[in-house]
Amino acid sequence: MKKAVFCIAKNIEQAEHIVSHLKTVGFSNNDISVLFPDKSSTKDFAHEKHTKAPEGAAIGGATGIGVGVVLGWLAGIGSLAIPGVGPFIAAGPIMGALSGAAVGAATGGITGALVGLGIPEYEAKRYEGKITGGSALISVHTDSSEERDRVKEIFKNAHAEDISSTGEASV
């Protein structure tokens, strides 16, 4: 059964390091999700402002250092606005969950989408607080307990926070 492993990266550099390592050990760009605030006005995203690419393509198409290099490899990267929360950059399966019906619901936002991905509500609320505070959520879909262990090891080695997986308590 497919399960997802989640963690919080304290900043974009840490998120890029983790995604790069996941890519190196063979995880598909379709199995990795990343979600973080779109701080286009900060220096991290300064290069994005100077591109003529349409919104959403700006990051994936950016060259040079920063967010475009590693995270641009991920499937379906783009910007989205989450009502009541603000603009975010999302990539991978989480993009579909966030742009789907969960966001439109009254209980929507990030927590609703994360619950929809199988994260318990109390953890989803904690994740939402950290994401809106500037951290990045990384999620990896895995097919086996060996893959889950490998992902958790990568997260731990990168000093990620709040490492957990969906369906952990179930048999």
C-alpha atoms as a PDB file:
ATOM      1  CA  MET A   1       0.000   0.000   0.000  1.00  0.00           C
ATOM      2  CA  LYS A   2       1.251   3.459  -0.880  1.00  0.00           C
ATOM      3  CA  LYS A   3       1.934   5.626   2.137  1.00  0.00           C
ATOM      4  CA  ALA A   4       3.422   9.074   2.387  1.00  0.00           C
ATOM      5  CA  VAL A   5       6.267  10.217   4.607  1.00  0.00           C
ATOM      6  CA  PHE A   6       6.279  13.875   5.649  1.00  0.00           C
ATOM      7  CA  CYS A   7       8.707  16.328   7.179  1.00  0.00           C
ATOM      8  CA  ILE A   8       9.242  20.031   7.710  1.00  0.00           C
ATOM      9  CA  ALA A   9      12.345  21.675   6.245  1.00  0.00           C
ATOM     10  CA  LYS A  10      13.267  24.857   8.083  1.00  0.00           C
ATOM     11  CA  ASN A  11      14.146  26.726   4.872  1.00  0.00           C
ATOM     12  CA  ILE A  12      14.381  26.389   1.098  1.00  0.00           C
ATOM     13  CA  GLU A  13      18.058  25.409   1.165  1.00  0.00           C
ATOM     14  CA  GLN A  14      17.283  22.474   3.461  1.00  0.00           C
ATOM     15  CA  ALA A  15      14.290  21.506   1.277  1.00  0.00           C
ATOM     16  CA  GLU A  16      16.488  21.546  -1.844  1.00  0.00           C
ATOM     17  CA  HIS A  17      19.117  19.398  -0.108  1.00  0.00           C
ATOM     18  CA  ILE A  18      16.473  16.827   0.870  1.00  0.00           C
ATOM     19  CA  VAL A  19      14.834  16.752  -2.591  1.00  0.00           C
ATOM     20  CA  SER A  20      18.239  16.431  -4.234  1.00  0.00           C
ATOM     21  CA  HIS A  21      19.064  13.438  -2.025  1.00  0.00           C
ATOM     22  CA  LEU A  22      15.675  11.807  -2.735  1.00  0.00           C
ATOM     23  CA  LYS A  23      16.323  12.245  -6.464  1.00  0.00           C
ATOM     24  CA  THR A  24      19.826  10.753  -6.124  1.00  0.00           C
ATOM     25  CA  VAL A  25      18.494   7.556  -4.493  1.00  0.00           C
ATOM     26  CA  GLY A  26      15.895   7.122  -7.243  1.00  0.00           C
ATOM     27  CA  PHE A  27      12.588   8.605  -6.103  1.00  0.00           C
ATOM     28  CA  SER A  28      10.413   9.883  -8.953  1.00  0.00           C
ATOM     29  CA  ASN A  29       9.590  13.573  -9.287  1.00  0.00           C
ATOM     30  CA  ASN A  30       5.923  12.449  -9.313  1.00  0.00           C
ATOM     31  CA  ASP A  31       6.266  10.951  -5.805  1.00  0.00           C
ATOM     32  CA  ILE A  32       7.721  14.031  -4.102  1.00  0.00           C
ATOM     33  CA  SER A  33       5.624  17.006  -2.989  1.00  0.00           C
ATOM     34  CA  VAL A  34       6.892  20.291  -1.629  1.00  0.00           C
ATOM     35  CA  LEU A  35       4.809  23.176  -0.280  1.00  0.00           C
ATOM     36  CA  PHE A  36       6.145  26.495   0.968  1.00  0.00           C
ATOM     37  CA  PRO A  37       5.110  30.158   1.164  1.00  0.00           C
ATOM     38  CA  ASP A  38       5.652  32.205  -1.990  1.00  0.00           C
ATOM     39  CA  LYS A  39       7.863  34.994  -0.716  1.00  0.00           C
ATOM     40  CA  SER A  40       8.478  36.537  -4.127  1.00  0.00           C
ATOM     41  CA  SER A  41       9.616  39.761  -2.541  1.00  0.00           C
ATOM     42  CA  THR A  42      12.473  38.124  -0.610  1.00  0.00           C
ATOM     43  CA  LYS A  43      15.966  37.572  -1.952  1.00  0.00           C
ATOM     44  CA  ASP A  44      15.341  33.815  -2.254  1.00  0.00           C
ATOM     45  CA  PHE A  45      13.012  34.507  -5.151  1.00  0.00           C
ATOM     46  CA  ALA A  46      14.606  37.650  -6.544  1.00  0.00           C
ATOM     47  CA  HIS A  47      15.406  35.926  -9.856  1.00  0.00           C
ATOM     48  CA  GLU A  48      11.735  35.106 -10.378  1.00  0.00           C
ATOM     49  CA  LYS A  49      10.783  38.789 -10.693  1.00  0.00           C
ATOM     50  CA  HIS A  50      13.104  39.307 -13.648  1.00  0.00           C
ATOM     51  CA  THR A  51      11.646  36.579 -15.843  1.00  0.00           C
ATOM     52  CA  LYS A  52       8.981  37.163 -18.463  1.00  0.00           C
ATOM     53  CA  ALA A  53       7.626  33.615 -18.051  1.00  0.00           C
ATOM     54  CA  PRO A  54       3.992  33.260 -17.021  1.00  0.00           C
ATOM     55  CA  GLU A  55       3.337  32.813 -13.321  1.00  0.00           C
ATOM     56  CA  GLY A  56       3.903  29.223 -12.250  1.00  0.00           C
ATOM     57  CA  ALA A  57       6.421  28.602 -15.020  1.00  0.00           C
ATOM     58  CA  ALA A  58       8.737  31.231 -13.563  1.00  0.00           C
ATOM     59  CA  ILE A  59      10.239  28.980 -10.939  1.00  0.00           C
ATOM     60  CA  GLY A  60      10.419  25.808 -12.974  1.00  0.00           C
ATOM     61  CA  GLY A  61      12.027  27.652 -15.848  1.00  0.00           C
ATOM     62  CA  ALA A  62      14.466  29.698 -13.787  1.00  0.00           C
ATOM     63  CA  THR A  63      18.134  28.978 -14.155  1.00  0.00           C
ATOM     64  CA  GLY A  64      20.984  29.625 -11.785  1.00  0.00           C
ATOM     65  CA  ILE A  65      20.964  29.212  -8.048  1.00  0.00           C
ATOM     66  CA  GLY A  66      18.030  29.023  -5.717  1.00  0.00           C
ATOM     67  CA  VAL A  67      14.642  27.452  -5.931  1.00  0.00           C
ATOM     68  CA  GLY A  68      14.607  26.744  -9.668  1.00  0.00           C
ATOM     69  CA  VAL A  69      17.429  24.236  -9.861  1.00  0.00           C
ATOM     70  CA  VAL A  70      16.373  21.335  -7.642  1.00  0.00           C
ATOM     71  CA  LEU A  71      12.724  22.096  -6.983  1.00  0.00           C
ATOM     72  CA  GLY A  72      12.157  22.882 -10.672  1.00  0.00           C
ATOM     73  CA  TRP A  73      12.716  19.160 -11.315  1.00  0.00           C
ATOM     74  CA  LEU A  74       9.529  18.319  -9.418  1.00  0.00           C
ATOM     75  CA  ALA A  75       6.315  17.574 -11.320  1.00  0.00           C
ATOM     76  CA  GLY A  76       3.717  20.306 -11.674  1.00  0.00           C
ATOM     77  CA  ILE A  77       5.433  23.096  -9.769  1.00  0.00           C
ATOM     78  CA  GLY A  78       3.484  26.319  -9.648  1.00  0.00           C
ATOM     79  CA  SER A  79       2.030  29.125  -7.595  1.00  0.00           C
ATOM     80  CA  LEU A  80      -1.346  28.992  -5.975  1.00  0.00           C
ATOM     81  CA  ALA A  81      -3.257  31.212  -3.601  1.00  0.00           C
ATOM     82  CA  ILE A  82      -4.862  29.529  -0.629  1.00  0.00           C
ATOM     83  CA  PRO A  83      -7.870  31.542   0.548  1.00  0.00           C
ATOM     84  CA  GLY A  84      -7.279  33.113   3.928  1.00  0.00           C
ATOM     85  CA  VAL A  85      -3.661  31.943   4.025  1.00  0.00           C
ATOM     86  CA  GLY A  86      -1.856  33.494   1.080  1.00  0.00           C
ATOM     87  CA  PRO A  87       0.315  32.625  -1.906  1.00  0.00           C
ATOM     88  CA  PHE A  88       2.277  29.371  -1.963  1.00  0.00           C
ATOM     89  CA  ILE A  89       4.566  27.431  -4.238  1.00  0.00           C
ATOM     90  CA  ALA A  90       3.534  23.780  -4.551  1.00  0.00           C
ATOM     91  CA  ALA A  91       4.860  20.819  -6.516  1.00  0.00           C
ATOM     92  CA  GLY A  92       3.929  17.174  -6.878  1.00  0.00           C
ATOM     93  CA  PRO A  93       0.754  15.384  -5.743  1.00  0.00           C
ATOM     94  CA  ILE A  94       0.068  18.017  -3.050  1.00  0.00           C
ATOM     95  CA  MET A  95      -0.609  20.540  -5.835  1.00  0.00           C
ATOM     96  CA  GLY A  96      -3.680  18.540  -6.888  1.00  0.00           C
ATOM     97  CA  ALA A  97      -4.908  18.223  -3.325  1.00  0.00           C
ATOM     98  CA  LEU A  98      -4.549  21.949  -2.699  1.00  0.00           C
ATOM     99  CA  SER A  99      -6.145  23.056  -5.939  1.00  0.00           C
ATOM    100  CA  GLY A 100      -8.993  20.570  -5.500  1.00  0.00           C
ATOM    101  CA  ALA A 101     -12.190  20.719  -3.524  1.00  0.00           C
ATOM    102  CA  ALA A 102     -10.460  20.751  -0.116  1.00  0.00           C
ATOM    103  CA  VAL A 103      -9.429  24.384  -0.546  1.00  0.00           C
ATOM    104  CA  GLY A 104     -12.951  25.503  -1.346  1.00  0.00           C
ATOM    105  CA  ALA A 105     -14.396  23.964   1.787  1.00  0.00           C
ATOM    106  CA  ALA A 106     -14.904  26.083   4.889  1.00  0.00           C
ATOM    107  CA  THR A 107     -12.401  23.917   6.737  1.00  0.00           C
ATOM    108  CA  GLY A 108     -10.128  23.983   3.691  1.00  0.00           C
ATOM    109  CA  GLY A 109      -6.797  25.696   3.475  1.00  0.00           C
ATOM    110  CA  ILE A 110      -3.634  23.768   4.053  1.00  0.00           C
ATOM    111  CA  THR A 111      -5.015  21.688   6.936  1.00  0.00           C
ATOM    112  CA  GLY A 112      -7.946  20.441   4.828  1.00  0.00           C
ATOM    113  CA  ALA A 113      -5.652  19.434   1.974  1.00  0.00           C
ATOM    114  CA  LEU A 114      -3.203  17.685   4.314  1.00  0.00           C
ATOM    115  CA  VAL A 115      -6.019  15.767   6.000  1.00  0.00           C
ATOM    116  CA  GLY A 116      -7.145  14.795   2.492  1.00  0.00           C
ATOM    117  CA  LEU A 117      -3.664  13.368   1.901  1.00  0.00           C
ATOM    118  CA  GLY A 118      -4.057  11.171   4.988  1.00  0.00           C
ATOM    119  CA  ILE A 119      -2.360  13.251   7.689  1.00  0.00           C
ATOM    120  CA  PRO A 120      -4.167  13.255  11.058  1.00  0.00           C
ATOM    121  CA  GLU A 121      -5.843  16.620  11.679  1.00  0.00           C
ATOM    122  CA  TYR A 122      -3.766  17.552  14.757  1.00  0.00           C
ATOM    123  CA  GLU A 123      -0.547  17.026  12.770  1.00  0.00           C
ATOM    124  CA  ALA A 124      -1.943  18.839   9.728  1.00  0.00           C
ATOM    125  CA  LYS A 125      -2.693  21.895  11.902  1.00  0.00           C
ATOM    126  CA  ARG A 126       0.858  21.844  13.302  1.00  0.00           C
ATOM    127  CA  TYR A 127       2.277  21.541   9.780  1.00  0.00           C
ATOM    128  CA  GLU A 128       0.109  24.423   8.562  1.00  0.00           C
ATOM    129  CA  GLY A 129       1.476  26.639  11.347  1.00  0.00           C
ATOM    130  CA  LYS A 130       5.052  25.830  10.402  1.00  0.00           C
ATOM    131  CA  ILE A 131       4.434  26.256   6.654  1.00  0.00           C
ATOM    132  CA  THR A 132       2.751  29.643   7.083  1.00  0.00           C
ATOM    133  CA  GLY A 133       5.700  30.572   9.326  1.00  0.00           C
ATOM    134  CA  GLY A 134       8.085  30.101   6.406  1.00  0.00           C
ATOM    135  CA  SER A 135       9.050  26.423   6.561  1.00  0.00           C
ATOM    136  CA  ALA A 136       8.584  23.936   3.713  1.00  0.00           C
ATOM    137  CA  LEU A 137       6.550  20.729   3.876  1.00  0.00           C
ATOM    138  CA  ILE A 138       8.056  17.790   2.010  1.00  0.00           C
ATOM    139  CA  SER A 139       6.037  14.654   1.306  1.00  0.00           C
ATOM    140  CA  VAL A 140       7.211  11.481  -0.422  1.00  0.00           C
ATOM    141  CA  HIS A 141       4.850   8.738  -1.620  1.00  0.00           C
ATOM    142  CA  THR A 142       6.353   5.316  -0.979  1.00  0.00           C
ATOM    143  CA  ASP A 143       5.403   1.777  -2.016  1.00  0.00           C
ATOM    144  CA  SER A 144       7.171  -0.268   0.665  1.00  0.00           C
ATOM    145  CA  SER A 145       8.386  -0.148   4.250  1.00  0.00           C
ATOM    146  CA  GLU A 146      11.963  -0.196   2.883  1.00  0.00           C
ATOM    147  CA  GLU A 147      11.260   2.981   0.893  1.00  0.00           C
ATOM    148  CA  ARG A 148       9.610   4.589   3.936  1.00  0.00           C
ATOM    149  CA  ASP A 149      12.656   3.770   6.059  1.00  0.00           C
ATOM    150  CA  ARG A 150      14.976   5.199   3.395  1.00  0.00           C
ATOM    151  CA  VAL A 151      12.970   8.448   3.206  1.00  0.00           C
ATOM    152  CA  LYS A 152      12.905   8.806   7.004  1.00  0.00           C
ATOM    153  CA  GLU A 153      16.667   8.247   7.084  1.00  0.00           C
ATOM    154  CA  ILE A 154      17.198  10.999   4.464  1.00  0.00           C
ATOM    155  CA  PHE A 155      14.931  13.344   6.451  1.00  0.00           C
ATOM    156  CA  LYS A 156      16.792  12.583   9.702  1.00  0.00           C
ATOM    157  CA  ASN A 157      20.227  13.010   8.120  1.00  0.00           C
ATOM    158  CA  ALA A 158      19.130  16.414   6.784  1.00  0.00           C
ATOM    159  CA  HIS A 159      17.916  17.445  10.272  1.00  0.00           C
ATOM    160  CA  ALA A 160      14.306  17.842   9.115  1.00  0.00           C
ATOM    161  CA  GLU A 161      11.619  18.328  11.756  1.00  0.00           C
ATOM    162  CA  ASP A 162       8.265  16.651  12.462  1.00  0.00           C
ATOM    163  CA  ILE A 163       8.966  13.471  10.498  1.00  0.00           C
ATOM    164  CA  SER A 164       5.898  11.218  10.232  1.00  0.00           C
ATOM    165  CA  SER A 165       4.019   9.034   7.790  1.00  0.00           C
ATOM    166  CA  THR A 166       0.389   8.395   6.919  1.00  0.00           C
ATOM    167  CA  GLY A 167      -1.211   5.225   8.192  1.00  0.00           C
ATOM    168  CA  GLU A 168       1.624   4.623  10.643  1.00  0.00           C
ATOM    169  CA  ALA A 169      -0.679   3.420  13.381  1.00  0.00           C
ATOM    170  CA  SER A 170      -2.652   1.063  11.152  1.00  0.00           C
ATOM    171  CA  VAL A 171      -1.670  -2.571  10.611  1.00  0.00           C
END
